[in-house]
Amino acid sequence: MPVVVFRRNGESYRGEVKENTNLVVRAGIRQFPFPHLRYECGMGKCASCACRVVAGGEQLPPPNWKEKKQLGERLDAGFRLACQLWIEHDIELEQDELPAAGS
């Protein structure tokens, strides 16, 4: 089973998930070991679930059109939308606080 390491606000959470798991779907049905994942729509429309992939990104498929539209240049910095990722391999993600409006 894939191991997910999720970092947010200086804290680190680690847990196993079943193969082909979507973290936002699991969070929505309360079967996710990391309660601090920020997300909203779950459909790639809002980018609230944007995370920087720290490790394991080479195992992910290329970004889809929703990620390209929402993340733009942030893709080059290693960001992906958690709602669009189906985890099949170990991965480490980091999600910082949203920047203040106007930043």
C-alpha atoms as a PDB file:
ATOM      1  CA  MET A   1       0.000   0.000   0.000  1.00  0.00           C
ATOM      2  CA  PRO A   2       1.301   3.474  -0.842  1.00  0.00           C
ATOM      3  CA  VAL A   3       2.629   5.609   1.992  1.00  0.00           C
ATOM      4  CA  VAL A   4       1.548   9.245   1.988  1.00  0.00           C
ATOM      5  CA  VAL A   5       3.484  11.861   3.921  1.00  0.00           C
ATOM      6  CA  PHE A   6       1.528  15.098   4.178  1.00  0.00           C
ATOM      7  CA  ARG A   7       3.088  18.276   5.560  1.00  0.00           C
ATOM      8  CA  ARG A   8       1.162  21.347   6.616  1.00  0.00           C
ATOM      9  CA  ASN A   9       1.866  24.220   8.996  1.00  0.00           C
ATOM     10  CA  GLY A  10       5.165  22.702  10.121  1.00  0.00           C
ATOM     11  CA  GLU A  11       3.552  19.382  11.063  1.00  0.00           C
ATOM     12  CA  SER A  12       4.003  16.063   9.310  1.00  0.00           C
ATOM     13  CA  TYR A  13       1.381  13.333   8.973  1.00  0.00           C
ATOM     14  CA  ARG A  14       2.116   9.860   7.627  1.00  0.00           C
ATOM     15  CA  GLY A  15      -0.198   7.010   6.704  1.00  0.00           C
ATOM     16  CA  GLU A  16      -0.927   4.246   4.242  1.00  0.00           C
ATOM     17  CA  VAL A  17      -3.717   4.382   1.686  1.00  0.00           C
ATOM     18  CA  LYS A  18      -5.062   1.769  -0.686  1.00  0.00           C
ATOM     19  CA  GLU A  19      -3.747   1.869  -4.237  1.00  0.00           C
ATOM     20  CA  ASN A  20      -5.710   4.121  -6.595  1.00  0.00           C
ATOM     21  CA  THR A  21      -6.809   6.387  -3.740  1.00  0.00           C
ATOM     22  CA  ASN A  22      -7.829   9.990  -4.256  1.00  0.00           C
ATOM     23  CA  LEU A  23      -6.991  11.974  -1.121  1.00  0.00           C
ATOM     24  CA  VAL A  24      -9.822  14.477  -1.514  1.00  0.00           C
ATOM     25  CA  VAL A  25     -12.420  11.736  -2.012  1.00  0.00           C
ATOM     26  CA  ARG A  26     -11.162   9.966   1.113  1.00  0.00           C
ATOM     27  CA  ALA A  27     -11.229  13.213   3.079  1.00  0.00           C
ATOM     28  CA  GLY A  28     -14.796  13.855   1.963  1.00  0.00           C
ATOM     29  CA  ILE A  29     -16.000  10.512   3.302  1.00  0.00           C
ATOM     30  CA  ARG A  30     -13.902  10.845   6.472  1.00  0.00           C
ATOM     31  CA  GLN A  31     -11.622   7.941   5.640  1.00  0.00           C
ATOM     32  CA  PHE A  32      -8.447   9.949   5.373  1.00  0.00           C
ATOM     33  CA  PRO A  33      -5.693   9.821   7.975  1.00  0.00           C
ATOM     34  CA  PHE A  34      -4.676  13.463   7.458  1.00  0.00           C
ATOM     35  CA  PRO A  35      -7.442  15.777   8.691  1.00  0.00           C
ATOM     36  CA  HIS A  36      -5.655  18.972   7.704  1.00  0.00           C
ATOM     37  CA  LEU A  37      -5.877  18.651   3.915  1.00  0.00           C
ATOM     38  CA  ARG A  38      -7.404  21.841   2.526  1.00  0.00           C
ATOM     39  CA  TYR A  39      -9.915  21.202  -0.259  1.00  0.00           C
ATOM     40  CA  GLU A  40     -13.289  22.447  -1.480  1.00  0.00           C
ATOM     41  CA  CYS A  41     -14.846  21.427  -4.797  1.00  0.00           C
ATOM     42  CA  GLY A  42     -12.976  18.180  -5.481  1.00  0.00           C
ATOM     43  CA  MET A  43     -13.368  18.724  -9.232  1.00  0.00           C
ATOM     44  CA  GLY A  44     -10.300  20.768 -10.179  1.00  0.00           C
ATOM     45  CA  LYS A  45     -12.210  24.051 -10.390  1.00  0.00           C
ATOM     46  CA  CYS A  46     -11.025  25.950  -7.303  1.00  0.00           C
ATOM     47  CA  ALA A  47      -7.373  24.898  -6.713  1.00  0.00           C
ATOM     48  CA  SER A  48      -7.914  24.929  -2.922  1.00  0.00           C
ATOM     49  CA  CYS A  49      -6.256  21.505  -2.714  1.00  0.00           C
ATOM     50  CA  ALA A  50      -3.044  22.601  -4.476  1.00  0.00           C
ATOM     51  CA  CYS A  51      -0.034  20.830  -2.934  1.00  0.00           C
ATOM     52  CA  ARG A  52       3.653  20.864  -3.710  1.00  0.00           C
ATOM     53  CA  VAL A  53       4.948  17.383  -4.463  1.00  0.00           C
ATOM     54  CA  VAL A  54       8.087  16.964  -2.348  1.00  0.00           C
ATOM     55  CA  ALA A  55       8.833  13.350  -3.336  1.00  0.00           C
ATOM     56  CA  GLY A  56       7.258  10.743  -5.611  1.00  0.00           C
ATOM     57  CA  GLY A  57       6.258  13.118  -8.393  1.00  0.00           C
ATOM     58  CA  GLU A  58       8.088  11.048 -10.980  1.00  0.00           C
ATOM     59  CA  GLN A  59       5.478   8.310 -10.424  1.00  0.00           C
ATOM     60  CA  LEU A  60       2.534  10.602 -11.178  1.00  0.00           C
ATOM     61  CA  PRO A  61       0.914  10.945 -14.590  1.00  0.00           C
ATOM     62  CA  PRO A  62       1.409  14.272 -16.382  1.00  0.00           C
ATOM     63  CA  PRO A  63      -0.852  17.131 -15.242  1.00  0.00           C
ATOM     64  CA  ASN A  64      -4.288  17.095 -16.841  1.00  0.00           C
ATOM     65  CA  TRP A  65      -5.978  20.111 -18.458  1.00  0.00           C
ATOM     66  CA  LYS A  66      -7.635  21.135 -15.178  1.00  0.00           C
ATOM     67  CA  GLU A  67      -4.287  21.269 -13.396  1.00  0.00           C
ATOM     68  CA  LYS A  68      -2.718  23.204 -16.268  1.00  0.00           C
ATOM     69  CA  LYS A  69      -5.570  25.731 -16.200  1.00  0.00           C
ATOM     70  CA  GLN A  70      -5.641  26.176 -12.396  1.00  0.00           C
ATOM     71  CA  LEU A  71      -1.941  25.969 -11.575  1.00  0.00           C
ATOM     72  CA  GLY A  72      -0.237  27.480 -14.628  1.00  0.00           C
ATOM     73  CA  GLU A  73       3.381  28.312 -13.764  1.00  0.00           C
ATOM     74  CA  ARG A  74       3.060  26.673 -10.330  1.00  0.00           C
ATOM     75  CA  LEU A  75       3.275  23.308 -12.132  1.00  0.00           C
ATOM     76  CA  ASP A  76       6.949  24.101 -12.812  1.00  0.00           C
ATOM     77  CA  ALA A  77       7.445  24.549  -9.049  1.00  0.00           C
ATOM     78  CA  GLY A  78       6.071  21.042  -8.399  1.00  0.00           C
ATOM     79  CA  PHE A  79       2.465  21.874  -7.515  1.00  0.00           C
ATOM     80  CA  ARG A  80      -0.417  19.540  -8.311  1.00  0.00           C
ATOM     81  CA  LEU A  81      -4.124  19.419  -7.429  1.00  0.00           C
ATOM     82  CA  ALA A  82      -4.728  16.687  -4.852  1.00  0.00           C
ATOM     83  CA  CYS A  83      -8.258  16.179  -6.173  1.00  0.00           C
ATOM     84  CA  GLN A  84      -6.848  15.151  -9.549  1.00  0.00           C
ATOM     85  CA  LEU A  85      -4.299  12.649  -8.235  1.00  0.00           C
ATOM     86  CA  TRP A  86      -4.994   8.946  -7.803  1.00  0.00           C
ATOM     87  CA  ILE A  87      -2.229   7.683  -5.545  1.00  0.00           C
ATOM     88  CA  GLU A  88      -0.570   4.451  -6.636  1.00  0.00           C
ATOM     89  CA  HIS A  89       2.942   4.950  -5.219  1.00  0.00           C
ATOM     90  CA  ASP A  90       4.569   6.499  -2.160  1.00  0.00           C
ATOM     91  CA  ILE A  91       4.283  10.277  -2.215  1.00  0.00           C
ATOM     92  CA  GLU A  92       5.141  13.248  -0.039  1.00  0.00           C
ATOM     93  CA  LEU A  93       3.009  16.378  -0.314  1.00  0.00           C
ATOM     94  CA  GLU A  94       3.208  19.796   1.288  1.00  0.00           C
ATOM     95  CA  GLN A  95       0.356  22.254   1.554  1.00  0.00           C
ATOM     96  CA  ASP A  96       1.059  25.675   2.972  1.00  0.00           C
ATOM     97  CA  GLU A  97      -1.456  28.244   4.086  1.00  0.00           C
ATOM     98  CA  LEU A  98      -3.100  30.209   1.315  1.00  0.00           C
ATOM     99  CA  PRO A  99      -1.508  33.599   0.683  1.00  0.00           C
ATOM    100  CA  ALA A 100      -3.551  36.549   1.865  1.00  0.00           C
ATOM    101  CA  ALA A 101      -5.825  38.158  -0.723  1.00  0.00           C
ATOM    102  CA  GLY A 102      -3.913  40.649  -2.847  1.00  0.00           C
ATOM    103  CA  SER A 103      -0.528  39.016  -2.178  1.00  0.00           C
END
